[in-house]
Amino acid sequence: DYIFTITALNFGSGFSPMWKLQRGGNSTYKNIAATLKAYTEAGNSLNA
């Protein structure tokens, strides 16, 4: 479920300057992946 979800969200590099203003830190992709990781580890579902 995680792999399909992260692939569905694996875009948005053109928004990187806007993203970093709000999130900072790692690249857009790493932020997206790490957030989904924490969400899943907290017991939430990323199913279809």
ModelCIF file with pLDDT and N, C-alpha, C, O atoms, coordinates in Angstrom:
data_MODEL
#
_entry.id   MODEL 
#
_entity.id                         1 
_entity.type                       polymer 
_entity.pdbx_number_of_molecules   1 
#
_entity_poly.entity_id                      1 
_entity_poly.type                           'polypeptide(L)' 
_entity_poly.nstd_linkage                   no 
_entity_poly.nstd_monomer                   no 
_entity_poly.pdbx_seq_one_letter_code       DYIFTITALNFGSGFSPMWKLQRGGNSTYKNIAATLKAYTEAGNSLNA 
_entity_poly.pdbx_seq_one_letter_code_can   DYIFTITALNFGSGFSPMWKLQRGGNSTYKNIAATLKAYTEAGNSLNA 
_entity_poly.pdbx_strand_id                 A 
#
loop_
_entity_poly_seq.entity_id 
_entity_poly_seq.num 
_entity_poly_seq.mon_id 
_entity_poly_seq.hetero 
1 1  ASP n 
1 2  TYR n 
1 3  ILE n 
1 4  PHE n 
1 5  THR n 
1 6  ILE n 
1 7  THR n 
1 8  ALA n 
1 9  LEU n 
1 10 ASN n 
1 11 PHE n 
1 12 GLY n 
1 13 SER n 
1 14 GLY n 
1 15 PHE n 
1 16 SER n 
1 17 PRO n 
1 18 MET n 
1 19 TRP n 
1 20 LYS n 
1 21 LEU n 
1 22 GLN n 
1 23 ARG n 
1 24 GLY n 
1 25 GLY n 
1 26 ASN n 
1 27 SER n 
1 28 THR n 
1 29 TYR n 
1 30 LYS n 
1 31 ASN n 
1 32 ILE n 
1 33 ALA n 
1 34 ALA n 
1 35 THR n 
1 36 LEU n 
1 37 LYS n 
1 38 ALA n 
1 39 TYR n 
1 40 THR n 
1 41 GLU n 
1 42 ALA n 
1 43 GLY n 
1 44 ASN n 
1 45 SER n 
1 46 LEU n 
1 47 ASN n 
1 48 ALA n 
#
_struct_asym.id          A 
_struct_asym.entity_id   1 
#
loop_
_ma_qa_metric.id 
_ma_qa_metric.mode 
_ma_qa_metric.name 
_ma_qa_metric.software_group_id 
_ma_qa_metric.type 
1 global pLDDT . pLDDT 
2 local  pLDDT . pLDDT 
#
_ma_qa_metric_global.metric_id      1 
_ma_qa_metric_global.metric_value   91.85 
_ma_qa_metric_global.model_id       1 
_ma_qa_metric_global.ordinal_id     1 
#
loop_
_ma_qa_metric_local.label_asym_id 
_ma_qa_metric_local.label_comp_id 
_ma_qa_metric_local.label_seq_id 
_ma_qa_metric_local.metric_id 
_ma_qa_metric_local.metric_value 
_ma_qa_metric_local.model_id 
_ma_qa_metric_local.ordinal_id 
A ASP 1  2 98.00 1 1  
A TYR 2  2 98.00 1 2  
A ILE 3  2 98.00 1 3  
A PHE 4  2 98.00 1 4  
A THR 5  2 98.00 1 5  
A ILE 6  2 97.00 1 6  
A THR 7  2 97.00 1 7  
A ALA 8  2 98.00 1 8  
A LEU 9  2 97.00 1 9  
A ASN 10 2 96.00 1 10 
A PHE 11 2 96.00 1 11 
A GLY 12 2 95.00 1 12 
A SER 13 2 94.00 1 13 
A GLY 14 2 95.00 1 14 
A PHE 15 2 94.00 1 15 
A SER 16 2 91.00 1 16 
A PRO 17 2 89.00 1 17 
A MET 18 2 90.00 1 18 
A TRP 19 2 90.00 1 19 
A LYS 20 2 86.00 1 20 
A LEU 21 2 86.00 1 21 
A GLN 22 2 85.00 1 22 
A ARG 23 2 82.00 1 23 
A GLY 24 2 71.00 1 24 
A GLY 25 2 64.00 1 25 
A ASN 26 2 64.00 1 26 
A SER 27 2 76.00 1 27 
A THR 28 2 86.00 1 28 
A TYR 29 2 91.00 1 29 
A LYS 30 2 90.00 1 30 
A ASN 31 2 91.00 1 31 
A ILE 32 2 94.00 1 32 
A ALA 33 2 95.00 1 33 
A ALA 34 2 94.00 1 34 
A THR 35 2 95.00 1 35 
A LEU 36 2 97.00 1 36 
A LYS 37 2 96.00 1 37 
A ALA 38 2 96.00 1 38 
A TYR 39 2 97.00 1 39 
A THR 40 2 96.00 1 40 
A GLU 41 2 94.00 1 41 
A ALA 42 2 95.00 1 42 
A GLY 43 2 93.00 1 43 
A ASN 44 2 96.00 1 44 
A SER 45 2 96.00 1 45 
A LEU 46 2 98.00 1 46 
A ASN 47 2 98.00 1 47 
A ALA 48 2 98.00 1 48 
#
loop_
_atom_site.group_PDB 
_atom_site.id 
_atom_site.type_symbol 
_atom_site.label_atom_id 
_atom_site.label_alt_id 
_atom_site.label_comp_id 
_atom_site.label_asym_id 
_atom_site.label_entity_id 
_atom_site.label_seq_id 
_atom_site.pdbx_PDB_ins_code 
_atom_site.Cartn_x 
_atom_site.Cartn_y 
_atom_site.Cartn_z 
_atom_site.occupancy 
_atom_site.B_iso_or_equiv 
_atom_site.pdbx_formal_charge 
_atom_site.auth_seq_id 
_atom_site.auth_comp_id 
_atom_site.auth_asym_id 
_atom_site.auth_atom_id 
_atom_site.pdbx_PDB_model_num 
ATOM 1   N N  . ASP A 1 1  ? 0.833  -1.201 0.000  1.00 98.00 ? 1  ASP A N  1 
ATOM 2   C CA . ASP A 1 1  ? 0.000  0.000  0.000  1.00 98.00 ? 1  ASP A CA 1 
ATOM 3   C C  . ASP A 1 1  ? 0.871  1.256  0.000  1.00 98.00 ? 1  ASP A C  1 
ATOM 4   O O  . ASP A 1 1  ? 0.595  2.219  -0.715 1.00 98.00 ? 1  ASP A O  1 
ATOM 5   N N  . TYR A 1 2  ? 1.923  1.227  0.810  1.00 98.00 ? 2  TYR A N  1 
ATOM 6   C CA . TYR A 1 2  ? 2.824  2.380  0.890  1.00 98.00 ? 2  TYR A CA 1 
ATOM 7   C C  . TYR A 1 2  ? 3.497  2.644  -0.457 1.00 98.00 ? 2  TYR A C  1 
ATOM 8   O O  . TYR A 1 2  ? 3.573  3.792  -0.893 1.00 98.00 ? 2  TYR A O  1 
ATOM 9   N N  . ILE A 1 3  ? 3.984  1.598  -1.116 1.00 98.00 ? 3  ILE A N  1 
ATOM 10  C CA . ILE A 1 3  ? 4.695  1.771  -2.389 1.00 98.00 ? 3  ILE A CA 1 
ATOM 11  C C  . ILE A 1 3  ? 3.763  2.356  -3.450 1.00 98.00 ? 3  ILE A C  1 
ATOM 12  O O  . ILE A 1 3  ? 4.154  3.272  -4.175 1.00 98.00 ? 3  ILE A O  1 
ATOM 13  N N  . PHE A 1 4  ? 2.548  1.844  -3.548 1.00 98.00 ? 4  PHE A N  1 
ATOM 14  C CA . PHE A 1 4  ? 1.606  2.410  -4.518 1.00 98.00 ? 4  PHE A CA 1 
ATOM 15  C C  . PHE A 1 4  ? 1.282  3.864  -4.180 1.00 98.00 ? 4  PHE A C  1 
ATOM 16  O O  . PHE A 1 4  ? 1.163  4.702  -5.074 1.00 98.00 ? 4  PHE A O  1 
ATOM 17  N N  . THR A 1 5  ? 1.142  4.158  -2.895 1.00 98.00 ? 5  THR A N  1 
ATOM 18  C CA . THR A 1 5  ? 0.801  5.519  -2.495 1.00 98.00 ? 5  THR A CA 1 
ATOM 19  C C  . THR A 1 5  ? 1.926  6.495  -2.778 1.00 98.00 ? 5  THR A C  1 
ATOM 20  O O  . THR A 1 5  ? 1.685  7.572  -3.323 1.00 98.00 ? 5  THR A O  1 
ATOM 21  N N  . ILE A 1 6  ? 3.146  6.141  -2.419 1.00 97.00 ? 6  ILE A N  1 
ATOM 22  C CA . ILE A 1 6  ? 4.267  7.050  -2.652 1.00 97.00 ? 6  ILE A CA 1 
ATOM 23  C C  . ILE A 1 6  ? 4.474  7.271  -4.148 1.00 97.00 ? 6  ILE A C  1 
ATOM 24  O O  . ILE A 1 6  ? 4.882  8.356  -4.563 1.00 97.00 ? 6  ILE A O  1 
ATOM 25  N N  . THR A 1 7  ? 4.198  6.254  -4.954 1.00 97.00 ? 7  THR A N  1 
ATOM 26  C CA . THR A 1 7  ? 4.313  6.430  -6.404 1.00 97.00 ? 7  THR A CA 1 
ATOM 27  C C  . THR A 1 7  ? 3.248  7.379  -6.921 1.00 97.00 ? 7  THR A C  1 
ATOM 28  O O  . THR A 1 7  ? 3.515  8.188  -7.810 1.00 97.00 ? 7  THR A O  1 
ATOM 29  N N  . ALA A 1 8  ? 2.046  7.290  -6.376 1.00 98.00 ? 8  ALA A N  1 
ATOM 30  C CA . ALA A 1 8  ? 0.982  8.197  -6.799 1.00 98.00 ? 8  ALA A CA 1 
ATOM 31  C C  . ALA A 1 8  ? 1.296  9.642  -6.441 1.00 98.00 ? 8  ALA A C  1 
ATOM 32  O O  . ALA A 1 8  ? 0.736  10.562 -7.037 1.00 98.00 ? 8  ALA A O  1 
ATOM 33  N N  . LEU A 1 9  ? 2.191  9.856  -5.466 1.00 97.00 ? 9  LEU A N  1 
ATOM 34  C CA . LEU A 1 9  ? 2.556  11.201 -5.024 1.00 97.00 ? 9  LEU A CA 1 
ATOM 35  C C  . LEU A 1 9  ? 3.970  11.602 -5.455 1.00 97.00 ? 9  LEU A C  1 
ATOM 36  O O  . LEU A 1 9  ? 4.487  12.624 -5.006 1.00 97.00 ? 9  LEU A O  1 
ATOM 37  N N  . ASN A 1 10 ? 4.586  10.812 -6.311 1.00 96.00 ? 10 ASN A N  1 
ATOM 38  C CA . ASN A 1 10 ? 5.982  11.066 -6.691 1.00 96.00 ? 10 ASN A CA 1 
ATOM 39  C C  . ASN A 1 10 ? 6.051  12.080 -7.834 1.00 96.00 ? 10 ASN A C  1 
ATOM 40  O O  . ASN A 1 10 ? 6.499  11.769 -8.938 1.00 96.00 ? 10 ASN A O  1 
ATOM 41  N N  . PHE A 1 11 ? 5.601  13.285 -7.543 1.00 96.00 ? 11 PHE A N  1 
ATOM 42  C CA . PHE A 1 11 ? 5.711  14.400 -8.482 1.00 96.00 ? 11 PHE A CA 1 
ATOM 43  C C  . PHE A 1 11 ? 5.616  15.680 -7.665 1.00 96.00 ? 11 PHE A C  1 
ATOM 44  O O  . PHE A 1 11 ? 5.399  15.635 -6.454 1.00 96.00 ? 11 PHE A O  1 
ATOM 45  N N  . GLY A 1 12 ? 5.777  16.812 -8.322 1.00 95.00 ? 12 GLY A N  1 
ATOM 46  C CA . GLY A 1 12 ? 5.677  18.081 -7.612 1.00 95.00 ? 12 GLY A CA 1 
ATOM 47  C C  . GLY A 1 12 ? 6.978  18.825 -7.474 1.00 95.00 ? 12 GLY A C  1 
ATOM 48  O O  . GLY A 1 12 ? 7.047  19.810 -6.738 1.00 95.00 ? 12 GLY A O  1 
ATOM 49  N N  . SER A 1 13 ? 8.043  18.372 -8.181 1.00 94.00 ? 13 SER A N  1 
ATOM 50  C CA . SER A 1 13 ? 9.331  19.065 -8.064 1.00 94.00 ? 13 SER A CA 1 
ATOM 51  C C  . SER A 1 13 ? 9.237  20.519 -8.492 1.00 94.00 ? 13 SER A C  1 
ATOM 52  O O  . SER A 1 13 ? 10.002 21.356 -8.013 1.00 94.00 ? 13 SER A O  1 
ATOM 53  N N  . GLY A 1 14 ? 8.308  20.830 -9.389 1.00 95.00 ? 14 GLY A N  1 
ATOM 54  C CA . GLY A 1 14 ? 8.134  22.210 -9.817 1.00 95.00 ? 14 GLY A CA 1 
ATOM 55  C C  . GLY A 1 14 ? 7.618  23.116 -8.717 1.00 95.00 ? 14 GLY A C  1 
ATOM 56  O O  . GLY A 1 14 ? 7.723  24.339 -8.806 1.00 95.00 ? 14 GLY A O  1 
ATOM 57  N N  . PHE A 1 15 ? 7.062  22.513 -7.681 1.00 94.00 ? 15 PHE A N  1 
ATOM 58  C CA . PHE A 1 15 ? 6.568  23.271 -6.532 1.00 94.00 ? 15 PHE A CA 1 
ATOM 59  C C  . PHE A 1 15 ? 7.607  23.346 -5.414 1.00 94.00 ? 15 PHE A C  1 
ATOM 60  O O  . PHE A 1 15 ? 7.317  23.855 -4.331 1.00 94.00 ? 15 PHE A O  1 
ATOM 61  N N  . SER A 1 16 ? 8.801  22.849 -5.669 1.00 91.00 ? 16 SER A N  1 
ATOM 62  C CA . SER A 1 16 ? 9.808  22.745 -4.611 1.00 91.00 ? 16 SER A CA 1 
ATOM 63  C C  . SER A 1 16 ? 10.075 24.057 -3.879 1.00 91.00 ? 16 SER A C  1 
ATOM 64  O O  . SER A 1 16 ? 10.138 24.048 -2.650 1.00 91.00 ? 16 SER A O  1 
ATOM 65  N N  . PRO A 1 17 ? 10.236 25.185 -4.571 1.00 89.00 ? 17 PRO A N  1 
ATOM 66  C CA . PRO A 1 17 ? 10.465 26.437 -3.823 1.00 89.00 ? 17 PRO A CA 1 
ATOM 67  C C  . PRO A 1 17 ? 9.319  26.768 -2.871 1.00 89.00 ? 17 PRO A C  1 
ATOM 68  O O  . PRO A 1 17 ? 9.554  27.216 -1.749 1.00 89.00 ? 17 PRO A O  1 
ATOM 69  N N  . MET A 1 18 ? 8.076  26.548 -3.314 1.00 90.00 ? 18 MET A N  1 
ATOM 70  C CA . MET A 1 18 ? 6.915  26.808 -2.463 1.00 90.00 ? 18 MET A CA 1 
ATOM 71  C C  . MET A 1 18 ? 6.881  25.826 -1.298 1.00 90.00 ? 18 MET A C  1 
ATOM 72  O O  . MET A 1 18 ? 6.581  26.204 -0.166 1.00 90.00 ? 18 MET A O  1 
ATOM 73  N N  . TRP A 1 19 ? 7.189  24.577 -1.581 1.00 90.00 ? 19 TRP A N  1 
ATOM 74  C CA . TRP A 1 19 ? 7.173  23.526 -0.555 1.00 90.00 ? 19 TRP A CA 1 
ATOM 75  C C  . TRP A 1 19 ? 8.171  23.849 0.554  1.00 90.00 ? 19 TRP A C  1 
ATOM 76  O O  . TRP A 1 19 ? 7.848  23.743 1.737  1.00 90.00 ? 19 TRP A O  1 
ATOM 77  N N  . LYS A 1 20 ? 9.385  24.244 0.165  1.00 86.00 ? 20 LYS A N  1 
ATOM 78  C CA . LYS A 1 20 ? 10.431 24.485 1.162  1.00 86.00 ? 20 LYS A CA 1 
ATOM 79  C C  . LYS A 1 20 ? 10.122 25.711 2.012  1.00 86.00 ? 20 LYS A C  1 
ATOM 80  O O  . LYS A 1 20 ? 10.548 25.788 3.164  1.00 86.00 ? 20 LYS A O  1 
ATOM 81  N N  . LEU A 1 21 ? 9.392  26.663 1.461  1.00 86.00 ? 21 LEU A N  1 
ATOM 82  C CA . LEU A 1 21 ? 8.989  27.812 2.271  1.00 86.00 ? 21 LEU A CA 1 
ATOM 83  C C  . LEU A 1 21 ? 8.079  27.380 3.415  1.00 86.00 ? 21 LEU A C  1 
ATOM 84  O O  . LEU A 1 21 ? 8.108  27.959 4.501  1.00 86.00 ? 21 LEU A O  1 
ATOM 85  N N  . GLN A 1 22 ? 7.261  26.344 3.155  1.00 85.00 ? 22 GLN A N  1 
ATOM 86  C CA . GLN A 1 22 ? 6.317  25.889 4.172  1.00 85.00 ? 22 GLN A CA 1 
ATOM 87  C C  . GLN A 1 22 ? 6.854  24.743 5.019  1.00 85.00 ? 22 GLN A C  1 
ATOM 88  O O  . GLN A 1 22 ? 6.529  24.628 6.200  1.00 85.00 ? 22 GLN A O  1 
ATOM 89  N N  . ARG A 1 23 ? 7.684  23.891 4.404  1.00 82.00 ? 23 ARG A N  1 
ATOM 90  C CA . ARG A 1 23 ? 8.150  22.700 5.105  1.00 82.00 ? 23 ARG A CA 1 
ATOM 91  C C  . ARG A 1 23 ? 9.640  22.758 5.449  1.00 82.00 ? 23 ARG A C  1 
ATOM 92  O O  . ARG A 1 23 ? 10.048 22.313 6.521  1.00 82.00 ? 23 ARG A O  1 
ATOM 93  N N  . GLY A 1 24 ? 10.446 23.303 4.542  1.00 71.00 ? 24 GLY A N  1 
ATOM 94  C CA . GLY A 1 24 ? 11.882 23.329 4.765  1.00 71.00 ? 24 GLY A CA 1 
ATOM 95  C C  . GLY A 1 24 ? 12.466 21.924 4.784  1.00 71.00 ? 24 GLY A C  1 
ATOM 96  O O  . GLY A 1 24 ? 11.786 20.954 4.448  1.00 71.00 ? 24 GLY A O  1 
ATOM 97  N N  . GLY A 1 25 ? 13.739 21.821 5.183  1.00 64.00 ? 25 GLY A N  1 
ATOM 98  C CA . GLY A 1 25 ? 14.356 20.512 5.367  1.00 64.00 ? 25 GLY A CA 1 
ATOM 99  C C  . GLY A 1 25 ? 14.676 19.795 4.073  1.00 64.00 ? 25 GLY A C  1 
ATOM 100 O O  . GLY A 1 25 ? 15.192 20.391 3.128  1.00 64.00 ? 25 GLY A O  1 
ATOM 101 N N  . ASN A 1 26 ? 14.361 18.501 4.041  1.00 64.00 ? 26 ASN A N  1 
ATOM 102 C CA . ASN A 1 26 ? 14.729 17.639 2.932  1.00 64.00 ? 26 ASN A CA 1 
ATOM 103 C C  . ASN A 1 26 ? 13.989 17.996 1.652  1.00 64.00 ? 26 ASN A C  1 
ATOM 104 O O  . ASN A 1 26 ? 13.138 18.885 1.630  1.00 64.00 ? 26 ASN A O  1 
ATOM 105 N N  . SER A 1 27 ? 14.335 17.284 0.594  1.00 76.00 ? 27 SER A N  1 
ATOM 106 C CA . SER A 1 27 ? 13.674 17.458 -0.687 1.00 76.00 ? 27 SER A CA 1 
ATOM 107 C C  . SER A 1 27 ? 12.189 17.155 -0.552 1.00 76.00 ? 27 SER A C  1 
ATOM 108 O O  . SER A 1 27 ? 11.753 16.515 0.405  1.00 76.00 ? 27 SER A O  1 
ATOM 109 N N  . THR A 1 28 ? 11.422 17.626 -1.528 1.00 86.00 ? 28 THR A N  1 
ATOM 110 C CA . THR A 1 28 ? 9.979  17.375 -1.524 1.00 86.00 ? 28 THR A CA 1 
ATOM 111 C C  . THR A 1 28 ? 9.698  15.885 -1.404 1.00 86.00 ? 28 THR A C  1 
ATOM 112 O O  . THR A 1 28 ? 8.864  15.468 -0.600 1.00 86.00 ? 28 THR A O  1 
ATOM 113 N N  . TYR A 1 29 ? 10.392 15.082 -2.203 1.00 91.00 ? 29 TYR A N  1 
ATOM 114 C CA . TYR A 1 29 ? 10.139 13.643 -2.203 1.00 91.00 ? 29 TYR A CA 1 
ATOM 115 C C  . TYR A 1 29 ? 10.446 13.025 -0.843 1.00 91.00 ? 29 TYR A C  1 
ATOM 116 O O  . TYR A 1 29 ? 9.660  12.220 -0.343 1.00 91.00 ? 29 TYR A O  1 
ATOM 117 N N  . LYS A 1 30 ? 11.572 13.386 -0.240 1.00 90.00 ? 30 LYS A N  1 
ATOM 118 C CA . LYS A 1 30 ? 11.926 12.800 1.051  1.00 90.00 ? 30 LYS A CA 1 
ATOM 119 C C  . LYS A 1 30 ? 10.932 13.219 2.134  1.00 90.00 ? 30 LYS A C  1 
ATOM 120 O O  . LYS A 1 30 ? 10.587 12.418 3.004  1.00 90.00 ? 30 LYS A O  1 
ATOM 121 N N  . ASN A 1 31 ? 10.476 14.456 2.084  1.00 91.00 ? 31 ASN A N  1 
ATOM 122 C CA . ASN A 1 31 ? 9.450  14.896 3.024  1.00 91.00 ? 31 ASN A CA 1 
ATOM 123 C C  . ASN A 1 31 ? 8.172  14.090 2.859  1.00 91.00 ? 31 ASN A C  1 
ATOM 124 O O  . ASN A 1 31 ? 7.570  13.652 3.840  1.00 91.00 ? 31 ASN A O  1 
ATOM 125 N N  . ILE A 1 32 ? 7.762  13.898 1.605  1.00 94.00 ? 32 ILE A N  1 
ATOM 126 C CA . ILE A 1 32 ? 6.541  13.149 1.320  1.00 94.00 ? 32 ILE A CA 1 
ATOM 127 C C  . ILE A 1 32 ? 6.667  11.713 1.826  1.00 94.00 ? 32 ILE A C  1 
ATOM 128 O O  . ILE A 1 32 ? 5.761  11.185 2.470  1.00 94.00 ? 32 ILE A O  1 
ATOM 129 N N  . ALA A 1 33 ? 7.811  11.090 1.521  1.00 95.00 ? 33 ALA A N  1 
ATOM 130 C CA . ALA A 1 33 ? 8.024  9.698  1.922  1.00 95.00 ? 33 ALA A CA 1 
ATOM 131 C C  . ALA A 1 33 ? 8.068  9.559  3.438  1.00 95.00 ? 33 ALA A C  1 
ATOM 132 O O  . ALA A 1 33 ? 7.418  8.674  3.995  1.00 95.00 ? 33 ALA A O  1 
ATOM 133 N N  . ALA A 1 34 ? 8.820  10.412 4.108  1.00 94.00 ? 34 ALA A N  1 
ATOM 134 C CA . ALA A 1 34 ? 8.967  10.304 5.558  1.00 94.00 ? 34 ALA A CA 1 
ATOM 135 C C  . ALA A 1 34 ? 7.637  10.534 6.278  1.00 94.00 ? 34 ALA A C  1 
ATOM 136 O O  . ALA A 1 34 ? 7.362  9.901  7.298  1.00 94.00 ? 34 ALA A O  1 
ATOM 137 N N  . THR A 1 35 ? 6.816  11.438 5.747  1.00 95.00 ? 35 THR A N  1 
ATOM 138 C CA . THR A 1 35 ? 5.508  11.691 6.354  1.00 95.00 ? 35 THR A CA 1 
ATOM 139 C C  . THR A 1 35 ? 4.593  10.480 6.200  1.00 95.00 ? 35 THR A C  1 
ATOM 140 O O  . THR A 1 35 ? 3.903  10.100 7.146  1.00 95.00 ? 35 THR A O  1 
ATOM 141 N N  . LEU A 1 36 ? 4.583  9.870  5.014  1.00 97.00 ? 36 LEU A N  1 
ATOM 142 C CA . LEU A 1 36 ? 3.783  8.662  4.811  1.00 97.00 ? 36 LEU A CA 1 
ATOM 143 C C  . LEU A 1 36 ? 4.281  7.514  5.686  1.00 97.00 ? 36 LEU A C  1 
ATOM 144 O O  . LEU A 1 36 ? 3.492  6.717  6.193  1.00 97.00 ? 36 LEU A O  1 
ATOM 145 N N  . LYS A 1 37 ? 5.586  7.442  5.853  1.00 96.00 ? 37 LYS A N  1 
ATOM 146 C CA . LYS A 1 37 ? 6.171  6.413  6.722  1.00 96.00 ? 37 LYS A CA 1 
ATOM 147 C C  . LYS A 1 37 ? 5.636  6.568  8.146  1.00 96.00 ? 37 LYS A C  1 
ATOM 148 O O  . LYS A 1 37 ? 5.173  5.600  8.749  1.00 96.00 ? 37 LYS A O  1 
ATOM 149 N N  . ALA A 1 38 ? 5.703  7.783  8.675  1.00 96.00 ? 38 ALA A N  1 
ATOM 150 C CA . ALA A 1 38 ? 5.227  8.023  10.039 1.00 96.00 ? 38 ALA A CA 1 
ATOM 151 C C  . ALA A 1 38 ? 3.727  7.763  10.154 1.00 96.00 ? 38 ALA A C  1 
ATOM 152 O O  . ALA A 1 38 ? 3.261  7.225  11.158 1.00 96.00 ? 38 ALA A O  1 
ATOM 153 N N  . TYR A 1 39 ? 2.984  8.144  9.135  1.00 97.00 ? 39 TYR A N  1 
ATOM 154 C CA . TYR A 1 39 ? 1.535  7.937  9.123  1.00 97.00 ? 39 TYR A CA 1 
ATOM 155 C C  . TYR A 1 39 ? 1.206  6.441  9.173  1.00 97.00 ? 39 TYR A C  1 
ATOM 156 O O  . TYR A 1 39 ? 0.303  6.021  9.896  1.00 97.00 ? 39 TYR A O  1 
ATOM 157 N N  . THR A 1 40 ? 1.940  5.654  8.406  1.00 96.00 ? 40 THR A N  1 
ATOM 158 C CA . THR A 1 40 ? 1.708  4.205  8.384  1.00 96.00 ? 40 THR A CA 1 
ATOM 159 C C  . THR A 1 40 ? 2.145  3.559  9.688  1.00 96.00 ? 40 THR A C  1 
ATOM 160 O O  . THR A 1 40 ? 1.451  2.695  10.223 1.00 96.00 ? 40 THR A O  1 
ATOM 161 N N  . GLU A 1 41 ? 3.297  3.978  10.198 1.00 94.00 ? 41 GLU A N  1 
ATOM 162 C CA . GLU A 1 41 ? 3.792  3.390  11.444 1.00 94.00 ? 41 GLU A CA 1 
ATOM 163 C C  . GLU A 1 41 ? 2.873  3.715  12.624 1.00 94.00 ? 41 GLU A C  1 
ATOM 164 O O  . GLU A 1 41 ? 2.879  3.008  13.631 1.00 94.00 ? 41 GLU A O  1 
ATOM 165 N N  . ALA A 1 42 ? 2.085  4.787  12.496 1.00 95.00 ? 42 ALA A N  1 
ATOM 166 C CA . ALA A 1 42 ? 1.128  5.142  13.553 1.00 95.00 ? 42 ALA A CA 1 
ATOM 167 C C  . ALA A 1 42 ? -0.135 4.291  13.495 1.00 95.00 ? 42 ALA A C  1 
ATOM 168 O O  . ALA A 1 42 ? -1.042 4.467  14.309 1.00 95.00 ? 42 ALA A O  1 
ATOM 169 N N  . GLY A 1 43 ? -0.198 3.370  12.535 1.00 93.00 ? 43 GLY A N  1 
ATOM 170 C CA . GLY A 1 43 ? -1.324 2.451  12.446 1.00 93.00 ? 43 GLY A CA 1 
ATOM 171 C C  . GLY A 1 43 ? -2.381 2.823  11.435 1.00 93.00 ? 43 GLY A C  1 
ATOM 172 O O  . GLY A 1 43 ? -3.424 2.174  11.363 1.00 93.00 ? 43 GLY A O  1 
ATOM 173 N N  . ASN A 1 44 ? -2.133 3.852  10.655 1.00 96.00 ? 44 ASN A N  1 
ATOM 174 C CA . ASN A 1 44 ? -3.101 4.282  9.642  1.00 96.00 ? 44 ASN A CA 1 
ATOM 175 C C  . ASN A 1 44 ? -2.939 3.482  8.356  1.00 96.00 ? 44 ASN A C  1 
ATOM 176 O O  . ASN A 1 44 ? -1.858 2.970  8.064  1.00 96.00 ? 44 ASN A O  1 
ATOM 177 N N  . SER A 1 45 ? -4.015 3.379  7.595  1.00 96.00 ? 45 SER A N  1 
ATOM 178 C CA . SER A 1 45 ? -4.011 2.611  6.352  1.00 96.00 ? 45 SER A CA 1 
ATOM 179 C C  . SER A 1 45 ? -3.797 3.517  5.147  1.00 96.00 ? 45 SER A C  1 
ATOM 180 O O  . SER A 1 45 ? -4.325 4.627  5.084  1.00 96.00 ? 45 SER A O  1 
ATOM 181 N N  . LEU A 1 46 ? -3.018 3.028  4.201  1.00 98.00 ? 46 LEU A N  1 
ATOM 182 C CA . LEU A 1 46 ? -2.830 3.702  2.912  1.00 98.00 ? 46 LEU A CA 1 
ATOM 183 C C  . LEU A 1 46 ? -3.373 2.830  1.784  1.00 98.00 ? 46 LEU A C  1 
ATOM 184 O O  . LEU A 1 46 ? -2.837 2.849  0.676  1.00 98.00 ? 46 LEU A O  1 
ATOM 185 N N  . ASN A 1 47 ? -4.415 2.079  2.050  1.00 98.00 ? 47 ASN A N  1 
ATOM 186 C CA . ASN A 1 47 ? -4.919 1.154  1.034  1.00 98.00 ? 47 ASN A CA 1 
ATOM 187 C C  . ASN A 1 47 ? -5.683 1.899  -0.065 1.00 98.00 ? 47 ASN A C  1 
ATOM 188 O O  . ASN A 1 47 ? -5.815 3.122  -0.023 1.00 98.00 ? 47 ASN A O  1 
ATOM 189 N N  . ALA A 1 48 ? -6.174 1.154  -1.035 1.00 98.00 ? 48 ALA A N  1 
ATOM 190 C CA . ALA A 1 48 ? -6.836 1.760  -2.190 1.00 98.00 ? 48 ALA A CA 1 
ATOM 191 C C  . ALA A 1 48 ? -8.116 2.488  -1.792 1.00 98.00 ? 48 ALA A C  1 
ATOM 192 O O  . ALA A 1 48 ? -8.796 3.054  -2.648 1.00 98.00 ? 48 ALA A O  1 
#
